[in-house]
């Protein structure tokens, strides 16, 4: 197996760091911008994080562990998609990291997802994250 790849996506959101953070860590809000996904966790470092939902008539239960949380700055977790076809082994998990930086216009949110096997899967992940981040932006900016 060759070197693993990373997908990086960013978006500028006219909202406060507190509002973006709340949207990233509140199940009721996640469901509104993330394909109707149910996020299940107690939101503490070391705790499990599950994403449950339905995609194209297929039910999924994705999983991971919260690795790092710096409120309003950084949220990082391991992640394995149940639809990936990969075995549930640590080396198959991606790390997903949300990084928030503040400027006068609001928040720049950067999402990275590492440990991706092929360029095609990087392109797929990037498209998914672009959609999710645009939905998040719409949600947050419509309430401001």
N, C-alpha and C. Protein backbone atom coordinates (compact mmCIF):
# COMPACT_ATOMS: atom_id res chain seq x y z
N UNK A 1 0.85 -1.18 0.00
CA UNK A 1 0.00 0.00 0.00
C UNK A 1 0.89 1.23 0.00
N UNK A 2 0.56 2.22 -0.83
CA UNK A 2 1.35 3.45 -0.94
C UNK A 2 1.05 4.43 0.17
N UNK A 3 1.58 5.62 -0.02
CA UNK A 3 1.39 6.67 0.96
C UNK A 3 -0.07 7.10 0.99
N UNK A 4 -0.59 7.31 2.19
CA UNK A 4 -1.99 7.72 2.34
C UNK A 4 -2.11 9.21 2.06
N UNK A 5 -3.30 9.64 1.68
CA UNK A 5 -3.56 11.02 1.25
C UNK A 5 -4.48 11.73 2.24
N UNK A 6 -4.55 13.06 2.09
CA UNK A 6 -5.38 13.89 2.97
C UNK A 6 -6.28 14.79 2.12
N UNK A 7 -7.53 14.89 2.52
CA UNK A 7 -8.48 15.83 1.90
C UNK A 7 -8.59 17.05 2.82
N UNK A 8 -8.54 18.24 2.22
CA UNK A 8 -8.66 19.48 2.99
C UNK A 8 -9.72 20.35 2.34
N UNK A 9 -10.64 20.85 3.15
CA UNK A 9 -11.71 21.71 2.67
C UNK A 9 -11.84 22.88 3.63
N UNK A 10 -12.10 24.07 3.10
CA UNK A 10 -12.28 25.22 3.99
C UNK A 10 -13.45 26.07 3.54
N UNK A 11 -13.98 26.83 4.51
CA UNK A 11 -15.08 27.74 4.23
C UNK A 11 -15.03 28.89 5.23
N UNK A 12 -15.45 30.06 4.78
CA UNK A 12 -15.57 31.23 5.65
C UNK A 12 -17.04 31.37 6.02
N UNK A 13 -17.30 31.53 7.30
CA UNK A 13 -18.67 31.61 7.82
C UNK A 13 -18.83 32.89 8.62
N UNK A 14 -19.86 33.66 8.32
CA UNK A 14 -20.16 34.88 9.08
C UNK A 14 -20.91 34.49 10.35
N UNK A 15 -20.14 34.05 11.34
CA UNK A 15 -20.68 33.63 12.63
C UNK A 15 -19.55 33.70 13.64
N UNK A 16 -19.90 33.62 14.90
CA UNK A 16 -18.88 33.63 15.95
C UNK A 16 -18.30 32.23 16.13
N UNK A 17 -17.14 32.17 16.77
CA UNK A 17 -16.53 30.87 17.07
C UNK A 17 -17.46 30.04 17.94
N UNK A 18 -18.14 30.68 18.88
CA UNK A 18 -19.07 29.97 19.77
C UNK A 18 -20.22 29.34 18.97
N UNK A 19 -20.74 30.06 17.98
CA UNK A 19 -21.83 29.52 17.17
C UNK A 19 -21.37 28.35 16.31
N UNK A 20 -20.19 28.47 15.72
CA UNK A 20 -19.67 27.37 14.88
C UNK A 20 -19.38 26.16 15.75
N UNK A 21 -18.75 26.38 16.90
CA UNK A 21 -18.43 25.28 17.82
C UNK A 21 -19.70 24.54 18.24
N UNK A 22 -20.72 25.31 18.60
CA UNK A 22 -21.99 24.70 19.01
C UNK A 22 -22.55 23.83 17.88
N UNK A 23 -22.46 24.31 16.64
CA UNK A 23 -22.98 23.55 15.51
C UNK A 23 -22.18 22.27 15.26
N UNK A 24 -20.90 22.29 15.58
CA UNK A 24 -20.06 21.11 15.37
C UNK A 24 -20.24 20.04 16.45
N UNK A 25 -20.78 20.45 17.61
CA UNK A 25 -20.82 19.53 18.76
C UNK A 25 -22.22 19.36 19.37
N UNK A 26 -23.25 19.77 18.63
CA UNK A 26 -24.62 19.64 19.12
C UNK A 26 -25.41 18.74 18.17
N UNK A 27 -25.81 17.55 18.64
CA UNK A 27 -26.47 16.60 17.75
C UNK A 27 -27.67 17.16 16.98
N UNK A 28 -28.49 17.98 17.62
CA UNK A 28 -29.67 18.54 16.94
C UNK A 28 -29.27 19.43 15.77
N UNK A 29 -28.16 20.14 15.90
CA UNK A 29 -27.69 21.00 14.82
C UNK A 29 -26.96 20.18 13.74
N UNK A 30 -26.16 19.22 14.16
CA UNK A 30 -25.45 18.36 13.20
C UNK A 30 -26.45 17.72 12.24
N UNK A 31 -27.56 17.27 12.78
CA UNK A 31 -28.59 16.61 11.97
C UNK A 31 -29.12 17.53 10.87
N UNK A 32 -29.13 18.85 11.12
CA UNK A 32 -29.67 19.81 10.16
C UNK A 32 -28.76 20.04 8.95
N UNK A 33 -27.46 19.92 9.11
CA UNK A 33 -26.55 20.22 7.99
C UNK A 33 -25.75 19.01 7.50
N UNK A 34 -25.82 17.87 8.20
CA UNK A 34 -24.97 16.73 7.88
C UNK A 34 -25.80 15.53 7.44
N UNK A 35 -26.56 15.69 6.36
CA UNK A 35 -27.33 14.60 5.73
C UNK A 35 -28.34 13.95 6.68
N UNK A 36 -28.80 14.67 7.71
CA UNK A 36 -29.75 14.09 8.65
C UNK A 36 -29.13 13.11 9.62
N UNK A 37 -27.82 13.10 9.71
CA UNK A 37 -27.08 12.17 10.55
C UNK A 37 -27.35 12.41 12.03
N UNK A 38 -27.52 11.32 12.77
CA UNK A 38 -27.64 11.38 14.22
C UNK A 38 -26.24 11.17 14.81
N UNK A 39 -25.74 12.20 15.51
CA UNK A 39 -24.42 12.10 16.15
C UNK A 39 -24.63 11.69 17.60
N UNK A 40 -23.91 10.66 18.04
CA UNK A 40 -24.09 10.09 19.38
C UNK A 40 -22.76 10.11 20.11
N UNK A 41 -22.68 10.88 21.20
CA UNK A 41 -21.46 10.97 22.01
C UNK A 41 -21.77 11.74 23.28
N UNK A 42 -20.85 11.63 24.25
CA UNK A 42 -20.95 12.53 25.41
C UNK A 42 -20.01 13.72 25.25
N UNK A 43 -19.33 13.79 24.09
CA UNK A 43 -18.54 14.96 23.68
C UNK A 43 -17.37 15.25 24.63
N UNK A 44 -16.70 14.19 25.05
CA UNK A 44 -15.51 14.33 25.90
C UNK A 44 -14.34 13.61 25.23
N UNK A 45 -13.14 14.13 25.41
CA UNK A 45 -11.94 13.49 24.85
C UNK A 45 -11.84 12.06 25.37
N UNK A 46 -11.60 11.13 24.45
CA UNK A 46 -11.51 9.71 24.79
C UNK A 46 -12.82 8.96 24.63
N UNK A 47 -13.91 9.68 24.46
CA UNK A 47 -15.23 9.04 24.31
C UNK A 47 -15.49 8.63 22.87
N UNK A 48 -16.39 7.67 22.73
CA UNK A 48 -16.78 7.24 21.39
C UNK A 48 -17.66 8.30 20.73
N UNK A 49 -17.63 8.29 19.41
CA UNK A 49 -18.46 9.18 18.61
C UNK A 49 -19.02 8.33 17.47
N UNK A 50 -20.35 8.25 17.40
CA UNK A 50 -21.01 7.47 16.36
C UNK A 50 -21.88 8.38 15.50
N UNK A 51 -21.94 8.07 14.23
CA UNK A 51 -22.82 8.77 13.30
C UNK A 51 -23.75 7.72 12.70
N UNK A 52 -25.05 7.93 12.91
CA UNK A 52 -26.05 6.95 12.49
C UNK A 52 -27.01 7.61 11.52
N UNK A 53 -27.34 6.89 10.45
CA UNK A 53 -28.28 7.45 9.50
C UNK A 53 -28.57 6.51 8.35
N UNK A 54 -29.09 7.10 7.28
CA UNK A 54 -29.45 6.34 6.09
C UNK A 54 -28.93 7.11 4.88
N UNK A 55 -28.26 6.40 3.98
CA UNK A 55 -27.74 7.00 2.76
C UNK A 55 -28.15 6.13 1.59
N UNK A 56 -28.92 6.70 0.67
CA UNK A 56 -29.40 5.96 -0.51
C UNK A 56 -30.00 4.61 -0.11
N UNK A 57 -30.90 4.66 0.85
CA UNK A 57 -31.63 3.48 1.35
C UNK A 57 -30.78 2.49 2.15
N UNK A 58 -29.52 2.80 2.39
CA UNK A 58 -28.66 1.94 3.20
C UNK A 58 -28.43 2.58 4.56
N UNK A 59 -28.70 1.82 5.62
CA UNK A 59 -28.43 2.33 6.95
C UNK A 59 -26.95 2.21 7.26
N UNK A 60 -26.43 3.18 8.01
CA UNK A 60 -25.02 3.14 8.38
C UNK A 60 -24.86 3.51 9.85
N UNK A 61 -23.75 3.05 10.42
CA UNK A 61 -23.33 3.43 11.76
C UNK A 61 -21.81 3.60 11.70
N UNK A 62 -21.40 4.82 11.47
CA UNK A 62 -19.97 5.14 11.42
C UNK A 62 -19.48 5.38 12.84
N UNK A 63 -18.18 5.17 13.06
CA UNK A 63 -17.71 5.31 14.42
C UNK A 63 -16.31 5.87 14.51
N UNK A 64 -16.00 6.31 15.72
CA UNK A 64 -14.67 6.84 15.99
C UNK A 64 -14.55 7.18 17.46
N UNK A 65 -13.47 7.90 17.76
CA UNK A 65 -13.18 8.32 19.13
C UNK A 65 -12.76 9.78 19.10
N UNK A 66 -13.26 10.55 20.06
CA UNK A 66 -12.85 11.95 20.16
C UNK A 66 -11.42 12.00 20.68
N UNK A 67 -10.54 12.61 19.90
CA UNK A 67 -9.12 12.65 20.22
C UNK A 67 -8.68 13.96 20.86
N UNK A 68 -9.31 15.06 20.46
CA UNK A 68 -8.89 16.37 20.95
C UNK A 68 -10.03 17.36 20.81
N UNK A 69 -10.23 18.16 21.85
CA UNK A 69 -11.24 19.22 21.82
C UNK A 69 -10.67 20.45 22.52
N UNK A 70 -10.52 21.51 21.76
CA UNK A 70 -10.16 22.81 22.32
C UNK A 70 -11.32 23.72 21.94
N UNK A 71 -12.24 23.98 22.89
CA UNK A 71 -13.46 24.71 22.56
C UNK A 71 -13.22 25.97 21.71
N UNK A 72 -14.01 26.05 20.65
CA UNK A 72 -14.01 27.18 19.72
C UNK A 72 -12.73 27.30 18.90
N UNK A 73 -11.87 26.25 18.95
CA UNK A 73 -10.60 26.28 18.20
C UNK A 73 -10.38 25.01 17.37
N UNK A 74 -10.50 23.83 18.02
CA UNK A 74 -10.11 22.60 17.35
C UNK A 74 -10.91 21.41 17.87
N UNK A 75 -11.35 20.57 16.93
CA UNK A 75 -12.08 19.35 17.26
C UNK A 75 -11.54 18.25 16.35
N UNK A 76 -10.98 17.19 16.94
CA UNK A 76 -10.36 16.12 16.17
C UNK A 76 -10.86 14.77 16.68
N UNK A 77 -11.23 13.90 15.73
CA UNK A 77 -11.68 12.55 16.09
C UNK A 77 -11.25 11.55 15.04
N UNK A 78 -11.14 10.29 15.47
CA UNK A 78 -10.89 9.20 14.52
C UNK A 78 -12.23 8.81 13.91
N UNK A 79 -12.18 8.20 12.72
CA UNK A 79 -13.42 7.95 11.99
C UNK A 79 -13.27 6.75 11.07
N UNK A 80 -14.27 5.87 11.11
CA UNK A 80 -14.36 4.76 10.17
C UNK A 80 -15.80 4.68 9.67
N UNK A 81 -15.95 4.76 8.35
CA UNK A 81 -17.27 4.65 7.74
C UNK A 81 -17.66 3.19 7.64
N UNK A 82 -18.86 2.87 8.07
CA UNK A 82 -19.35 1.49 7.96
C UNK A 82 -19.57 1.11 6.50
N UNK A 83 -19.65 2.09 5.61
CA UNK A 83 -19.87 1.81 4.18
C UNK A 83 -18.56 1.76 3.40
N UNK A 84 -17.43 1.91 4.09
CA UNK A 84 -16.13 1.91 3.40
C UNK A 84 -15.70 0.53 2.93
N UNK A 85 -16.23 -0.51 3.57
CA UNK A 85 -15.80 -1.85 3.25
C UNK A 85 -14.48 -2.23 3.91
N UNK A 86 -13.93 -1.31 4.72
CA UNK A 86 -12.67 -1.58 5.40
C UNK A 86 -12.90 -2.29 6.72
N UNK A 87 -11.95 -3.13 7.07
CA UNK A 87 -12.01 -3.85 8.33
C UNK A 87 -11.88 -2.86 9.50
N UNK A 88 -12.54 -3.18 10.63
CA UNK A 88 -12.50 -2.31 11.81
C UNK A 88 -11.17 -2.51 12.55
N UNK A 89 -10.12 -1.91 11.95
CA UNK A 89 -8.80 -1.95 12.56
C UNK A 89 -8.29 -0.51 12.60
N UNK A 90 -7.51 -0.19 13.62
CA UNK A 90 -7.06 1.18 13.85
C UNK A 90 -6.39 1.79 12.63
N UNK A 91 -5.66 0.99 11.87
CA UNK A 91 -4.95 1.53 10.70
C UNK A 91 -5.90 1.94 9.57
N UNK A 92 -7.18 1.54 9.66
CA UNK A 92 -8.16 1.92 8.65
C UNK A 92 -8.94 3.18 9.00
N UNK A 93 -8.74 3.70 10.19
CA UNK A 93 -9.46 4.90 10.61
C UNK A 93 -8.79 6.15 10.05
N UNK A 94 -9.61 7.13 9.67
CA UNK A 94 -9.12 8.46 9.32
C UNK A 94 -9.12 9.31 10.59
N UNK A 95 -8.38 10.39 10.56
CA UNK A 95 -8.51 11.44 11.57
C UNK A 95 -9.19 12.60 10.89
N UNK A 96 -10.26 13.08 11.49
CA UNK A 96 -10.96 14.24 10.97
C UNK A 96 -10.72 15.37 11.95
N UNK A 97 -10.31 16.51 11.41
CA UNK A 97 -9.99 17.65 12.25
C UNK A 97 -10.71 18.89 11.75
N UNK A 98 -11.45 19.54 12.64
CA UNK A 98 -12.06 20.84 12.38
C UNK A 98 -11.19 21.88 13.08
N UNK A 99 -10.71 22.86 12.32
CA UNK A 99 -9.89 23.93 12.88
C UNK A 99 -10.58 25.26 12.62
N UNK A 100 -10.80 26.05 13.68
CA UNK A 100 -11.48 27.32 13.57
C UNK A 100 -10.50 28.46 13.80
N UNK A 101 -10.48 29.44 12.89
CA UNK A 101 -9.72 30.66 13.11
C UNK A 101 -10.65 31.84 12.90
N UNK A 102 -10.46 32.85 13.72
CA UNK A 102 -11.36 33.99 13.71
C UNK A 102 -10.70 35.18 13.03
N UNK A 103 -11.52 35.93 12.26
CA UNK A 103 -11.07 37.21 11.74
C UNK A 103 -12.24 38.18 11.79
N UNK A 104 -12.07 39.35 11.25
CA UNK A 104 -13.11 40.38 11.38
C UNK A 104 -14.41 40.00 10.67
N UNK A 105 -14.35 39.12 9.68
CA UNK A 105 -15.54 38.71 8.93
C UNK A 105 -16.25 37.51 9.53
N UNK A 106 -15.62 36.85 10.50
CA UNK A 106 -16.23 35.67 11.10
C UNK A 106 -15.22 34.57 11.33
N UNK A 107 -15.57 33.37 10.90
CA UNK A 107 -14.74 32.18 11.16
C UNK A 107 -14.32 31.53 9.85
N UNK A 108 -13.07 31.15 9.79
CA UNK A 108 -12.60 30.26 8.72
C UNK A 108 -12.54 28.87 9.34
N UNK A 109 -13.29 27.96 8.76
CA UNK A 109 -13.34 26.58 9.23
C UNK A 109 -12.61 25.71 8.21
N UNK A 110 -11.59 25.01 8.67
CA UNK A 110 -10.82 24.10 7.82
C UNK A 110 -11.05 22.68 8.33
N UNK A 111 -11.43 21.79 7.42
CA UNK A 111 -11.62 20.39 7.75
C UNK A 111 -10.59 19.57 7.00
N UNK A 112 -9.87 18.72 7.73
CA UNK A 112 -8.95 17.78 7.09
C UNK A 112 -9.38 16.36 7.45
N UNK A 113 -9.21 15.47 6.47
CA UNK A 113 -9.47 14.05 6.69
C UNK A 113 -8.28 13.31 6.10
N UNK A 114 -7.55 12.59 6.96
CA UNK A 114 -6.34 11.92 6.51
C UNK A 114 -6.54 10.42 6.33
N UNK A 115 -5.46 9.74 5.99
CA UNK A 115 -5.44 8.28 5.85
C UNK A 115 -6.37 7.79 4.74
N UNK A 116 -6.43 8.54 3.64
CA UNK A 116 -7.27 8.18 2.51
C UNK A 116 -6.42 7.44 1.48
N UNK A 117 -6.96 6.37 0.93
CA UNK A 117 -6.17 5.45 0.09
C UNK A 117 -5.89 5.94 -1.32
N UNK A 118 -6.86 6.59 -1.98
CA UNK A 118 -6.69 6.93 -3.40
C UNK A 118 -7.10 8.37 -3.67
N UNK A 119 -6.65 8.89 -4.80
CA UNK A 119 -7.04 10.24 -5.23
C UNK A 119 -8.55 10.33 -5.45
N UNK A 120 -9.13 9.26 -5.98
CA UNK A 120 -10.58 9.23 -6.20
C UNK A 120 -11.33 9.39 -4.88
N UNK A 121 -10.85 8.71 -3.83
CA UNK A 121 -11.49 8.82 -2.52
C UNK A 121 -11.25 10.20 -1.90
N UNK A 122 -10.11 10.83 -2.19
CA UNK A 122 -9.87 12.21 -1.75
C UNK A 122 -10.88 13.14 -2.41
N UNK A 123 -11.08 12.98 -3.72
CA UNK A 123 -12.05 13.80 -4.45
C UNK A 123 -13.46 13.61 -3.89
N UNK A 124 -13.82 12.36 -3.60
CA UNK A 124 -15.13 12.08 -3.03
C UNK A 124 -15.28 12.75 -1.66
N UNK A 125 -14.28 12.57 -0.80
CA UNK A 125 -14.33 13.18 0.53
C UNK A 125 -14.42 14.69 0.44
N UNK A 126 -13.66 15.27 -0.47
CA UNK A 126 -13.67 16.73 -0.63
C UNK A 126 -15.07 17.21 -1.04
N UNK A 127 -15.70 16.51 -1.97
CA UNK A 127 -17.05 16.89 -2.41
C UNK A 127 -18.05 16.78 -1.26
N UNK A 128 -17.94 15.71 -0.49
CA UNK A 128 -18.84 15.54 0.66
C UNK A 128 -18.64 16.68 1.65
N UNK A 129 -17.38 16.98 1.99
CA UNK A 129 -17.11 18.06 2.95
C UNK A 129 -17.54 19.42 2.42
N UNK A 130 -17.36 19.67 1.12
CA UNK A 130 -17.83 20.94 0.55
C UNK A 130 -19.34 21.08 0.73
N UNK A 131 -20.07 20.01 0.45
CA UNK A 131 -21.53 20.04 0.63
C UNK A 131 -21.88 20.30 2.10
N UNK A 132 -21.28 19.53 3.00
CA UNK A 132 -21.58 19.65 4.43
C UNK A 132 -21.26 21.07 4.94
N UNK A 133 -20.11 21.58 4.57
CA UNK A 133 -19.71 22.91 5.05
C UNK A 133 -20.60 24.01 4.48
N UNK A 134 -21.03 23.86 3.23
CA UNK A 134 -21.97 24.83 2.67
C UNK A 134 -23.31 24.79 3.39
N UNK A 135 -23.77 23.59 3.75
CA UNK A 135 -25.01 23.47 4.52
C UNK A 135 -24.85 24.09 5.91
N UNK A 136 -23.70 23.88 6.53
CA UNK A 136 -23.41 24.48 7.83
C UNK A 136 -23.42 26.00 7.72
N UNK A 137 -22.77 26.53 6.70
CA UNK A 137 -22.73 27.98 6.48
C UNK A 137 -24.15 28.54 6.32
N UNK A 138 -24.96 27.88 5.49
CA UNK A 138 -26.35 28.33 5.29
C UNK A 138 -27.11 28.34 6.61
N UNK A 139 -26.96 27.28 7.37
CA UNK A 139 -27.66 27.17 8.66
C UNK A 139 -27.25 28.32 9.59
N UNK A 140 -25.97 28.53 9.75
CA UNK A 140 -25.49 29.54 10.69
C UNK A 140 -25.75 30.96 10.21
N UNK A 141 -25.58 31.21 8.94
CA UNK A 141 -25.78 32.57 8.45
C UNK A 141 -27.25 32.94 8.33
N UNK A 142 -28.13 31.95 8.25
CA UNK A 142 -29.57 32.25 8.20
C UNK A 142 -30.11 32.63 9.57
N UNK A 143 -29.37 32.28 10.63
CA UNK A 143 -29.83 32.62 11.98
C UNK A 143 -29.20 33.90 12.48
N UNK A 144 -28.28 34.48 11.71
CA UNK A 144 -27.62 35.75 12.12
C UNK A 144 -28.30 36.95 11.50
